[in-house]
């Protein structure tokens, strides 16, 4: 029984470190710039061409 604790404790520690470091693949996506996000939304059909062009002008005017 004591041997299981020597295995279980490191496994729990490794899982905790992985979870607290942001081990999800979504964390790397947060590096997208506003134009990438806008392009993706337009490609998915979430916004119309008029909305896309308007938001694109807004983004470009800030740069």
Protein backbone atom coordinates (compact mmCIF):
# COMPACT_ATOMS: atom_id res chain seq x y z
CA UNK A 1 0.00 0.00 0.00
CA UNK A 2 2.83 2.42 0.81
CA UNK A 3 4.31 1.97 -2.67
CA UNK A 4 1.14 3.35 -4.29
CA UNK A 5 1.66 6.67 -2.47
CA UNK A 6 5.14 6.97 -4.00
CA UNK A 7 3.56 6.65 -7.43
CA UNK A 8 0.38 8.62 -6.79
CA UNK A 9 1.99 11.75 -5.31
CA UNK A 10 4.33 12.49 -8.28
CA UNK A 11 1.49 11.87 -10.74
CA UNK A 12 -0.70 14.38 -8.89
CA UNK A 13 2.15 16.92 -8.80
CA UNK A 14 2.80 16.56 -12.53
CA UNK A 15 -0.90 17.00 -13.33
CA UNK A 16 -1.11 20.08 -11.08
CA UNK A 17 1.92 21.67 -12.76
CA UNK A 18 0.48 20.95 -16.20
CA UNK A 19 -2.88 22.48 -15.31
CA UNK A 20 -1.46 25.60 -13.65
CA UNK A 21 0.94 26.31 -16.52
CA UNK A 22 -1.98 26.53 -18.90
CA UNK A 23 -1.54 23.23 -20.63
CA UNK A 24 -4.53 23.76 -22.87
CA UNK A 25 -3.87 24.23 -26.59
CA UNK A 26 -6.10 27.29 -26.54
CA UNK A 27 -3.54 29.32 -24.59
CA UNK A 28 -1.31 29.64 -27.66
CA UNK A 29 -4.19 31.07 -29.71
CA UNK A 30 -4.37 34.15 -27.54
CA UNK A 31 -1.40 35.52 -29.49
CA UNK A 32 -3.59 36.29 -32.51
CA UNK A 33 -3.69 39.87 -33.61
CA UNK A 34 -7.00 41.71 -34.19
CA UNK A 35 -6.87 41.26 -37.98
CA UNK A 36 -6.48 37.49 -37.62
CA UNK A 37 -9.51 37.38 -35.34
CA UNK A 38 -11.51 39.55 -37.74
CA UNK A 39 -10.52 37.39 -40.72
CA UNK A 40 -11.55 34.24 -38.86
CA UNK A 41 -14.92 35.70 -37.88
CA UNK A 42 -15.59 36.70 -41.49
CA UNK A 43 -14.52 33.29 -42.77
CA UNK A 44 -16.86 31.56 -40.31
CA UNK A 45 -19.75 33.76 -41.43
CA UNK A 46 -20.16 35.41 -38.04
CA UNK A 47 -20.08 38.90 -39.59
CA UNK A 48 -21.18 40.29 -42.95
CA UNK A 49 -18.89 41.81 -45.57
CA UNK A 50 -20.07 45.32 -44.60
CA UNK A 51 -19.27 44.68 -40.93
CA UNK A 52 -15.93 43.19 -41.92
CA UNK A 53 -14.92 46.20 -44.01
CA UNK A 54 -16.03 48.64 -41.30
CA UNK A 55 -14.11 46.86 -38.57
CA UNK A 56 -11.10 46.47 -40.83
CA UNK A 57 -11.02 50.25 -41.37
CA UNK A 58 -11.30 50.78 -37.62
CA UNK A 59 -8.41 48.43 -36.88
CA UNK A 60 -6.21 49.95 -39.59
CA UNK A 61 -6.91 53.49 -38.42
CA UNK A 62 -5.62 52.64 -34.94
CA UNK A 63 -2.26 51.44 -36.29
